């Protein structure tokens, strides 16, 4: 049988793979990270705003 590799990190899968649909993962962590959305820069579920806020002069 062909060696399975993780669809997220690309590492060879040892033992029983984690299956999510047609994809296989080496761990629950990889399965979780693969399910997260990512923005155009490749960052996953970013909570920080990249907007620059200028101070108000009084």
PDB file of N, CA and C in Angstrom:
ATOM      1  N   UNK A   1       0.838  -1.180   0.000  1.00  0.00           N
ATOM      2  CA  UNK A   1       0.000   0.000   0.000  1.00  0.00           C
ATOM      3  C   UNK A   1       0.888   1.250   0.000  1.00  0.00           C
ATOM      4  N   UNK A   2       0.446   2.279  -0.697  1.00  0.00           N
ATOM      5  CA  UNK A   2       1.209   3.531  -0.767  1.00  0.00           C
ATOM      6  C   UNK A   2       1.213   4.222   0.589  1.00  0.00           C
ATOM      7  N   UNK A   3       2.326   4.879   0.877  1.00  0.00           N
ATOM      8  CA  UNK A   3       2.441   5.602   2.138  1.00  0.00           C
ATOM      9  C   UNK A   3       1.567   6.849   2.091  1.00  0.00           C
ATOM     10  N   UNK A   4       0.744   7.039   3.122  1.00  0.00           N
ATOM     11  CA  UNK A   4      -0.113   8.215   3.200  1.00  0.00           C
ATOM     12  C   UNK A   4       0.676   9.396   3.739  1.00  0.00           C
ATOM     13  N   UNK A   5       0.392  10.581   3.201  1.00  0.00           N
ATOM     14  CA  UNK A   5       0.984  11.806   3.733  1.00  0.00           C
ATOM     15  C   UNK A   5      -0.134  12.743   4.149  1.00  0.00           C
ATOM     16  N   UNK A   6       0.131  13.535   5.158  1.00  0.00           N
ATOM     17  CA  UNK A   6      -0.842  14.478   5.695  1.00  0.00           C
ATOM     18  C   UNK A   6      -1.176  15.537   4.643  1.00  0.00           C
ATOM     19  N   UNK A   7      -2.469  15.801   4.452  1.00  0.00           N
ATOM     20  CA  UNK A   7      -2.900  16.804   3.479  1.00  0.00           C
ATOM     21  C   UNK A   7      -2.641  18.224   3.965  1.00  0.00           C
ATOM     22  N   UNK A   8      -2.268  18.412   5.226  1.00  0.00           N
ATOM     23  CA  UNK A   8      -1.962  19.747   5.736  1.00  0.00           C
ATOM     24  C   UNK A   8      -0.457  20.010   5.783  1.00  0.00           C
ATOM     25  N   UNK A   9       0.292  19.150   6.485  1.00  0.00           N
ATOM     26  CA  UNK A   9       1.723  19.421   6.678  1.00  0.00           C
ATOM     27  C   UNK A   9       2.617  18.635   5.726  1.00  0.00           C
ATOM     28  N   UNK A  10       2.084  17.604   5.078  1.00  0.00           N
ATOM     29  CA  UNK A  10       2.871  16.840   4.121  1.00  0.00           C
ATOM     30  C   UNK A  10       3.748  15.754   4.730  1.00  0.00           C
ATOM     31  N   UNK A  11       3.679  15.588   6.052  1.00  0.00           N
ATOM     32  CA  UNK A  11       4.487  14.566   6.728  1.00  0.00           C
ATOM     33  C   UNK A  11       3.863  13.183   6.523  1.00  0.00           C
ATOM     34  N   UNK A  12       4.678  12.120   6.504  1.00  0.00           N
ATOM     35  CA  UNK A  12       4.131  10.762   6.416  1.00  0.00           C
ATOM     36  C   UNK A  12       3.250  10.465   7.642  1.00  0.00           C
ATOM     37  N   UNK A  13       2.171   9.760   7.420  1.00  0.00           N
ATOM     38  CA  UNK A  13       1.239   9.430   8.501  1.00  0.00           C
ATOM     39  C   UNK A  13       1.622   8.097   9.097  1.00  0.00           C
ATOM     40  N   UNK A  14       1.879   8.100  10.396  1.00  0.00           N
ATOM     41  CA  UNK A  14       2.185   6.871  11.127  1.00  0.00           C
ATOM     42  C   UNK A  14       0.950   6.488  11.936  1.00  0.00           C
ATOM     43  N   UNK A  15       0.566   5.245  11.873  1.00  0.00           N
ATOM     44  CA  UNK A  15      -0.613   4.807  12.614  1.00  0.00           C
ATOM     45  C   UNK A  15      -1.881   5.129  11.849  1.00  0.00           C
ATOM     46  N   UNK A  16      -2.971   5.272  12.589  1.00  0.00           N
ATOM     47  CA  UNK A  16      -4.291   5.521  12.000  1.00  0.00           C
ATOM     48  C   UNK A  16      -4.443   6.999  11.636  1.00  0.00           C
ATOM     49  N   UNK A  17      -4.767   7.310  10.367  1.00  0.00           N
ATOM     50  CA  UNK A  17      -4.929   8.707   9.973  1.00  0.00           C
ATOM     51  C   UNK A  17      -6.255   9.289  10.469  1.00  0.00           C
ATOM     52  N   UNK A  18      -6.314  10.602  10.584  1.00  0.00           N
ATOM     53  CA  UNK A  18      -7.549  11.322  10.891  1.00  0.00           C
ATOM     54  C   UNK A  18      -8.182  11.648   9.546  1.00  0.00           C
ATOM     55  N   UNK A  19      -9.402  11.207   9.326  1.00  0.00           N
ATOM     56  CA  UNK A  19     -10.065  11.414   8.038  1.00  0.00           C
ATOM     57  C   UNK A  19     -11.152  12.478   8.170  1.00  0.00           C
ATOM     58  N   UNK A  20     -11.140  13.424   7.227  1.00  0.00           N
ATOM     59  CA  UNK A  20     -12.167  14.469   7.119  1.00  0.00           C
ATOM     60  C   UNK A  20     -12.569  14.531   5.651  1.00  0.00           C
ATOM     61  N   UNK A  21     -13.652  13.873   5.303  1.00  0.00           N
ATOM     62  CA  UNK A  21     -14.068  13.813   3.904  1.00  0.00           C
ATOM     63  C   UNK A  21     -13.065  13.006   3.095  1.00  0.00           C
ATOM     64  N   UNK A  22     -12.559  13.608   2.034  1.00  0.00           N
ATOM     65  CA  UNK A  22     -11.577  12.943   1.174  1.00  0.00           C
ATOM     66  C   UNK A  22     -10.151  13.228   1.607  1.00  0.00           C
ATOM     67  N   UNK A  23      -9.970  13.980   2.663  1.00  0.00           N
ATOM     68  CA  UNK A  23      -8.625  14.346   3.131  1.00  0.00           C
ATOM     69  C   UNK A  23      -8.213  13.509   4.329  1.00  0.00           C
ATOM     70  N   UNK A  24      -6.891  13.319   4.484  1.00  0.00           N
ATOM     71  CA  UNK A  24      -6.350  12.590   5.625  1.00  0.00           C
ATOM     72  C   UNK A  24      -5.285  13.451   6.303  1.00  0.00           C
ATOM     73  N   UNK A  25      -5.220  13.379   7.622  1.00  0.00           N
ATOM     74  CA  UNK A  25      -4.286  14.179   8.407  1.00  0.00           C
ATOM     75  C   UNK A  25      -3.551  13.286   9.393  1.00  0.00           C
ATOM     76  N   UNK A  26      -2.355  13.748   9.796  1.00  0.00           N
ATOM     77  CA  UNK A  26      -1.545  12.958  10.716  1.00  0.00           C
ATOM     78  C   UNK A  26      -1.970  13.157  12.164  1.00  0.00           C
ATOM     79  N   UNK A  27      -2.696  14.234  12.454  1.00  0.00           N
ATOM     80  CA  UNK A  27      -3.108  14.511  13.834  1.00  0.00           C
ATOM     81  C   UNK A  27      -4.366  15.365  13.843  1.00  0.00           C
ATOM     82  N   UNK A  28      -5.005  15.434  15.006  1.00  0.00           N
ATOM     83  CA  UNK A  28      -6.178  16.300  15.172  1.00  0.00           C
ATOM     84  C   UNK A  28      -5.780  17.759  14.971  1.00  0.00           C
ATOM     85  N   UNK A  29      -4.553  18.115  15.375  1.00  0.00           N
ATOM     86  CA  UNK A  29      -4.085  19.494  15.228  1.00  0.00           C
ATOM     87  C   UNK A  29      -4.031  19.896  13.755  1.00  0.00           C
ATOM     88  N   UNK A  30      -3.508  19.029  12.906  1.00  0.00           N
ATOM     89  CA  UNK A  30      -3.453  19.332  11.474  1.00  0.00           C
ATOM     90  C   UNK A  30      -4.861  19.411  10.881  1.00  0.00           C
ATOM     91  N   UNK A  31      -5.752  18.525  11.300  1.00  0.00           N
ATOM     92  CA  UNK A  31      -7.126  18.559  10.812  1.00  0.00           C
ATOM     93  C   UNK A  31      -7.802  19.863  11.208  1.00  0.00           C
ATOM     94  N   UNK A  32      -7.549  20.330  12.442  1.00  0.00           N
ATOM     95  CA  UNK A  32      -8.127  21.580  12.917  1.00  0.00           C
ATOM     96  C   UNK A  32      -7.567  22.767  12.134  1.00  0.00           C
ATOM     97  N   UNK A  33      -6.253  22.840  11.993  1.00  0.00           N
ATOM     98  CA  UNK A  33      -5.628  23.957  11.285  1.00  0.00           C
ATOM     99  C   UNK A  33      -6.078  24.002   9.827  1.00  0.00           C
ATOM    100  N   UNK A  34      -6.255  22.860   9.206  1.00  0.00           N
ATOM    101  CA  UNK A  34      -6.682  22.818   7.816  1.00  0.00           C
ATOM    102  C   UNK A  34      -8.107  23.331   7.654  1.00  0.00           C
ATOM    103  N   UNK A  35      -8.927  23.218   8.694  1.00  0.00           N
ATOM    104  CA  UNK A  35     -10.315  23.658   8.605  1.00  0.00           C
ATOM    105  C   UNK A  35     -10.484  25.152   8.845  1.00  0.00           C
ATOM    106  N   UNK A  36      -9.430  25.816   9.355  1.00  0.00           N
ATOM    107  CA  UNK A  36      -9.521  27.255   9.613  1.00  0.00           C
ATOM    108  C   UNK A  36      -9.436  28.038   8.312  1.00  0.00           C
ATOM    109  N   UNK A  37     -10.119  29.162   8.257  1.00  0.00           N
ATOM    110  CA  UNK A  37     -10.041  30.007   7.064  1.00  0.00           C
ATOM    111  C   UNK A  37      -8.749  30.805   7.102  1.00  0.00           C
ATOM    112  N   UNK A  38      -8.285  31.222   5.939  1.00  0.00           N
ATOM    113  CA  UNK A  38      -7.078  32.036   5.893  1.00  0.00           C
ATOM    114  C   UNK A  38      -7.298  33.224   4.963  1.00  0.00           C
ATOM    115  N   UNK A  39      -6.639  34.337   5.276  1.00  0.00           N
ATOM    116  CA  UNK A  39      -6.781  35.534   4.461  1.00  0.00           C
ATOM    117  C   UNK A  39      -5.809  35.502   3.284  1.00  0.00           C
ATOM    118  N   UNK A  40      -5.737  36.569   2.533  1.00  0.00           N
ATOM    119  CA  UNK A  40      -4.890  36.619   1.337  1.00  0.00           C
ATOM    120  C   UNK A  40      -3.408  36.453   1.658  1.00  0.00           C
ATOM    121  N   UNK A  41      -2.992  36.826   2.871  1.00  0.00           N
ATOM    122  CA  UNK A  41      -1.593  36.701   3.256  1.00  0.00           C
ATOM    123  C   UNK A  41      -1.253  35.337   3.801  1.00  0.00           C
ATOM    124  N   UNK A  42      -2.247  34.447   3.877  1.00  0.00           N
ATOM    125  CA  UNK A  42      -2.011  33.103   4.377  1.00  0.00           C
ATOM    126  C   UNK A  42      -2.160  32.965   5.876  1.00  0.00           C
ATOM    127  N   UNK A  43      -2.543  34.058   6.546  1.00  0.00           N
ATOM    128  CA  UNK A  43      -2.731  33.995   7.994  1.00  0.00           C
ATOM    129  C   UNK A  43      -4.104  33.416   8.287  1.00  0.00           C
ATOM    130  N   UNK A  44      -4.186  32.586   9.294  1.00  0.00           N
ATOM    131  CA  UNK A  44      -5.443  31.933   9.639  1.00  0.00           C
ATOM    132  C   UNK A  44      -6.197  32.704  10.707  1.00  0.00           C
ATOM    133  N   UNK A  45      -7.460  32.959  10.465  1.00  0.00           N
ATOM    134  CA  UNK A  45      -8.373  33.565  11.434  1.00  0.00           C
ATOM    135  C   UNK A  45      -7.735  34.698  12.238  1.00  0.00           C
ATOM    136  N   UNK A  46      -7.195  35.655  11.558  1.00  0.00           N
ATOM    137  CA  UNK A  46      -6.527  36.777  12.213  1.00  0.00           C
ATOM    138  C   UNK A  46      -7.528  37.611  12.992  1.00  0.00           C
ATOM    139  N   UNK A  47      -7.170  37.988  14.212  1.00  0.00           N
ATOM    140  CA  UNK A  47      -8.048  38.819  15.033  1.00  0.00           C
ATOM    141  C   UNK A  47      -7.529  40.239  15.154  1.00  0.00           C
ATOM    142  N   UNK A  48      -6.349  40.506  14.629  1.00  0.00           N
ATOM    143  CA  UNK A  48      -5.773  41.842  14.708  1.00  0.00           C
ATOM    144  C   UNK A  48      -6.112  42.643  13.462  1.00  0.00           C
ATOM    145  N   UNK A  49      -6.400  43.907  13.659  1.00  0.00           N
ATOM    146  CA  UNK A  49      -6.661  44.785  12.541  1.00  0.00           C
ATOM    147  C   UNK A  49      -5.343  45.333  12.031  1.00  0.00           C
ATOM    148  N   UNK A  50      -5.213  45.452  10.736  1.00  0.00           N
ATOM    149  CA  UNK A  50      -3.996  45.991  10.146  1.00  0.00           C
ATOM    150  C   UNK A  50      -4.199  47.444   9.728  1.00  0.00           C
ATOM    151  N   UNK A  51      -5.249  48.027  10.232  1.00  0.00           N
ATOM    152  CA  UNK A  51      -5.570  49.404   9.907  1.00  0.00           C
ATOM    153  C   UNK A  51      -4.740  50.335  10.779  1.00  0.00           C
ATOM    154  N   UNK A  52      -4.185  51.379  10.196  1.00  0.00           N
ATOM    155  CA  UNK A  52      -3.405  52.360  10.940  1.00  0.00           C
ATOM    156  C   UNK A  52      -4.355  53.455  11.406  1.00  0.00           C
ATOM    157  N   UNK A  53      -4.352  53.737  12.693  1.00  0.00           N
ATOM    158  CA  UNK A  53      -5.214  54.769  13.244  1.00  0.00           C
ATOM    159  C   UNK A  53      -4.333  55.938  13.666  1.00  0.00           C
ATOM    160  N   UNK A  54      -4.576  57.087  13.057  1.00  0.00           N
ATOM    161  CA  UNK A  54      -3.799  58.282  13.373  1.00  0.00           C
ATOM    162  C   UNK A  54      -4.395  58.962  14.600  1.00  0.00           C
ATOM    163  N   UNK A  55      -3.563  59.533  15.463  1.00  0.00           N
ATOM    164  CA  UNK A  55      -4.079  60.258  16.631  1.00  0.00           C
ATOM    165  C   UNK A  55      -4.799  61.532  16.193  1.00  0.00           C
ATOM    166  N   UNK A  56      -5.803  61.927  16.955  1.00  0.00           N
ATOM    167  CA  UNK A  56      -6.577  63.132  16.666  1.00  0.00           C
ATOM    168  C   UNK A  56      -5.895  64.312  17.354  1.00  0.00           C
ATOM    169  N   UNK A  57      -5.602  65.363  16.564  1.00  0.00           N
ATOM    170  CA  UNK A  57      -4.994  66.559  17.135  1.00  0.00           C
ATOM    171  C   UNK A  57      -6.083  67.447  17.708  1.00  0.00           C
ATOM    172  N   UNK A  58      -5.865  67.965  18.903  1.00  0.00           N
ATOM    173  CA  UNK A  58      -6.855  68.838  19.538  1.00  0.00           C
ATOM    174  C   UNK A  58      -6.296  70.197  19.780  1.00  0.00           C
TER     175      UNK A  58
END
